[in-house]
Amino acid sequence: MGLLCTQQQSHTVKSICDVMIDLQETYPNAGAQEMVSLLFHEQAMSVSRNIVVTYFTTYEANLVHLHKAHRLWRKWFWAAGVNNLFAVDQHDKWLRFGLALHTGIEPFSGCIMWMRVWHSNQNPQLILTYYLDTIQELGYMPMVTQSDPGSENFGITNVHTMLHQWHDPTLEGTLQHCWMHTKKNVMPEITWSQLCCQFTPSFETYLDHGVESGWYDFDNTLQQCVLHFLHSIVLTDGFGLIFRWVFIPWLQHKLDGYKDHINNTTKRRDRNKVLPHGVLNLIYNSANNFGALDFKIILEPGAIDHVRNTYIDPNHAVFELVPPEFSNFIQHCYDELGCPLVNCQSAWTVYLDLHHIISQLYEQLPQIVLTDEDNDPLPLLENHQDLPFHEDEDGAYYMGGVGRGLGLGASPSS
């Protein structure tokens, strides 16, 4: 890669100051170990942990004190091995901006399989595409999937069950999905908690700045969008579509970087953790090197295409960032502006400049009616039982597909 090692780069507290200030604007709650990784992955700087600790002690003594005073609420999660299950969950904290987050986690390794931002996280077809895109790229799937109850997860439940039964017909009649009715969907909750600590503070502050400045109000936009043609109320409804077009691709790019950063970093060693310790991607891709099992199910050719054709309408409005007619129009306006770069310094400026030029071209706006993209119910597979659930006297329980849902060394009674 052409990178020099830590010793060769010879960084000092002084040499990293400017970069640290920039990174802290984006990741204000990152600790020393986290910052070492961010310096490497985002700035190609190999800096020793001691240098970063010295920087924090010198310039951010108050943050060090707060970090040491922090107390974690521990939860236990048991997994039999890699690809035992994928746990999925949505995150609604940014719905006030019209932004909906969704993630899929491989619990044994801790890998983030996907982290997506869109204008919806309630449509079962949309959520299903996140899963199918992931396993199609991998070429294999986990034994079971897991989520909280909710019809938005029926697509993943149905399709994963169909795919697993495709490869193992003896599973017919049993859903290959774990519903977390009484137990928490722990791993995604941990992921969201870490995201809120490490990633969202600076972006949330930036988004709030636009709302507080009166540039954008998602609630007012949403109330009117479903009732009018865009061209007749450009100065109100136009805000929502312009916001989507500018902010969602930029935020997705930042989330992709966050996912890669987390998956390629060794987490802080935890004496309470019995799972393997190391770089998450290495654990996931080379489980045998960590003395772990891999339960992946290799996908047969044509399997994913079959379920896509059965369950997904590629022309559904939920897959559009903005309506196609408006997409072409705003792209032309963006070109007129000189295609300015969108980042954490310029996003609101680009947004306002686009709104200004679109307002001037008011008469040229195409007619568009926005539809309710989440009003798309999908029934759960009929005549299928849930996976068995067993809880020990000490409260420990297994969630996964090994032993038909009973765990290693167990088998379902006949």
Foldseek 3Di string as FASTA:
>chain_A
DPADAQVVLPDALVNCVVVVVVLCLQFVLDDLQLVQLCCCLVVVHRHDSVRSVVNCVVPPVVSVVVVVPDDDDDDDADDQFWLLEKEKDKDCPCVQVLKIWIWIAGPLLRATLAIAIASDQQALQVVLVSQLVSCVVVQWHGQAYEYEDHQSVQLVQALSQVQNCVVPVVQPQATRYYYPDPHDSPSVVVVVVVCVNGGPPSVVVLSVVCVVVVNDGVVQLVVCQQPDWCLVPVVRVVLSLLCLVQPRVQVSVVVVSVSVSQQQGFDDDDPVDPRFTDRSVCCNVPVVVRVHDHRIGRGDPPSSVVSCVVPPDPPQPRPDSHPPQVVVVLVVLCVVVVVDDDDSVCRVVSSVSSSVVCVVVSVPRDTDRDDDRNPDGDDHDPSHHYQDWDADPVRDTHAGCPQSGHDPPHHDDD
